[in-house]
Amino acid sequence: MPDVRSPIRHHLVLYRRDMEQGRARFFSLMIERDLFGTIRLVRNWGFVGSKGQENVEIFPDEAEAAQALDAWAAAQRQKGYTDL
């Protein structure tokens, strides 16, 4: 049974600006626990100012979700995304 008193708080937002086109993009990663105690990695991405798109992956524990978050963050940084 997961410890519901200790909510998971892992959230990372990366940005990429294209000055030539005047556009900015975002990529957000968040590990959360839903009402049933399931560990989820939520990814949001799109243009700044828009709702963007969302994808949710479910993991058996927080450690695996954190590894996936780190892998996604590294991949996006290689594409030019940075912390603000």
Protein backbone atom coordinates (compact mmCIF):
# COMPACT_ATOMS: atom_id res chain seq x y z
CA MET A 1 0.00 0.00 0.00
CA PRO A 2 1.54 3.34 -1.02
CA ASP A 3 2.04 6.05 1.54
CA VAL A 4 -0.70 8.54 0.61
CA ARG A 5 0.55 11.07 3.17
CA SER A 6 3.66 11.70 1.10
CA PRO A 7 2.63 12.83 -2.40
CA ILE A 8 5.25 12.60 -5.11
CA ARG A 9 6.55 15.98 -6.27
CA HIS A 10 8.70 15.63 -9.35
CA HIS A 11 8.00 18.25 -12.01
CA LEU A 12 10.25 19.49 -14.79
CA VAL A 13 9.44 22.05 -17.50
CA LEU A 14 11.80 22.57 -20.45
CA TYR A 15 11.58 25.28 -23.13
CA ARG A 16 12.91 25.76 -26.64
CA ARG A 17 12.79 29.13 -28.41
CA ASP A 18 13.02 29.67 -32.16
CA MET A 19 13.77 33.37 -32.54
CA GLU A 20 13.64 33.28 -36.36
CA GLN A 21 10.03 32.09 -36.38
CA GLY A 22 9.04 33.83 -33.15
CA ARG A 23 7.89 30.58 -31.57
CA ALA A 24 8.49 28.96 -28.22
CA ARG A 25 7.79 25.35 -27.30
CA PHE A 26 7.49 23.59 -23.96
CA PHE A 27 7.96 20.04 -22.73
CA SER A 28 6.66 19.22 -19.24
CA LEU A 29 7.30 16.05 -17.23
CA MET A 30 5.55 15.26 -13.95
CA ILE A 31 5.47 12.17 -11.73
CA GLU A 32 2.26 11.91 -9.76
CA ARG A 33 0.13 9.43 -7.85
CA ASP A 34 -3.54 9.13 -8.78
CA LEU A 35 -6.43 8.48 -6.38
CA PHE A 36 -5.80 4.74 -6.48
CA GLY A 37 -2.09 5.02 -5.67
CA THR A 38 -0.87 4.34 -9.21
CA ILE A 39 2.43 6.02 -10.12
CA ARG A 40 2.09 7.97 -13.38
CA LEU A 41 4.51 9.91 -15.59
CA VAL A 42 2.57 12.68 -17.33
CA ARG A 43 4.18 14.31 -20.37
CA ASN A 44 2.82 17.53 -21.90
CA TRP A 45 4.28 19.28 -24.93
CA GLY A 46 3.39 21.93 -27.49
CA PHE A 47 3.66 25.64 -28.20
CA VAL A 48 3.80 28.05 -25.27
CA GLY A 49 0.34 29.54 -24.80
CA SER A 50 -1.48 26.47 -26.11
CA LYS A 51 -2.94 23.48 -24.31
CA GLY A 52 -0.56 21.17 -26.13
CA GLN A 53 -0.71 17.40 -26.10
CA GLU A 54 -0.55 14.95 -23.20
CA ASN A 55 0.56 11.35 -22.71
CA VAL A 56 0.42 9.28 -19.50
CA GLU A 57 2.58 6.25 -18.68
CA ILE A 58 2.00 4.03 -15.64
CA PHE A 59 4.90 2.60 -13.62
CA PRO A 60 5.07 0.02 -10.81
CA ASP A 61 7.18 2.25 -8.56
CA GLU A 62 8.58 5.75 -8.23
CA ALA A 63 12.16 4.73 -9.03
CA GLU A 64 11.24 3.44 -12.51
CA ALA A 65 9.15 6.55 -13.17
CA ALA A 66 12.10 8.74 -12.14
CA GLN A 67 14.41 6.85 -14.53
CA ALA A 68 11.92 7.40 -17.36
CA LEU A 69 11.66 11.10 -16.46
CA ASP A 70 15.45 11.43 -16.59
CA ALA A 71 15.60 9.63 -19.96
CA TRP A 72 12.90 11.87 -21.48
CA ALA A 73 14.59 14.99 -20.09
CA ALA A 74 17.96 13.96 -21.56
CA ALA A 75 16.39 13.26 -24.96
CA GLN A 76 14.64 16.64 -25.01
CA ARG A 77 17.80 18.48 -23.96
CA GLN A 78 19.58 16.93 -26.95
CA LYS A 79 16.85 18.49 -29.13
CA GLY A 80 17.65 21.94 -27.75
CA TYR A 81 15.24 22.24 -24.84
CA THR A 82 16.60 23.94 -21.71
CA ASP A 83 15.47 24.85 -18.20
CA LEU A 84 14.27 28.39 -17.91
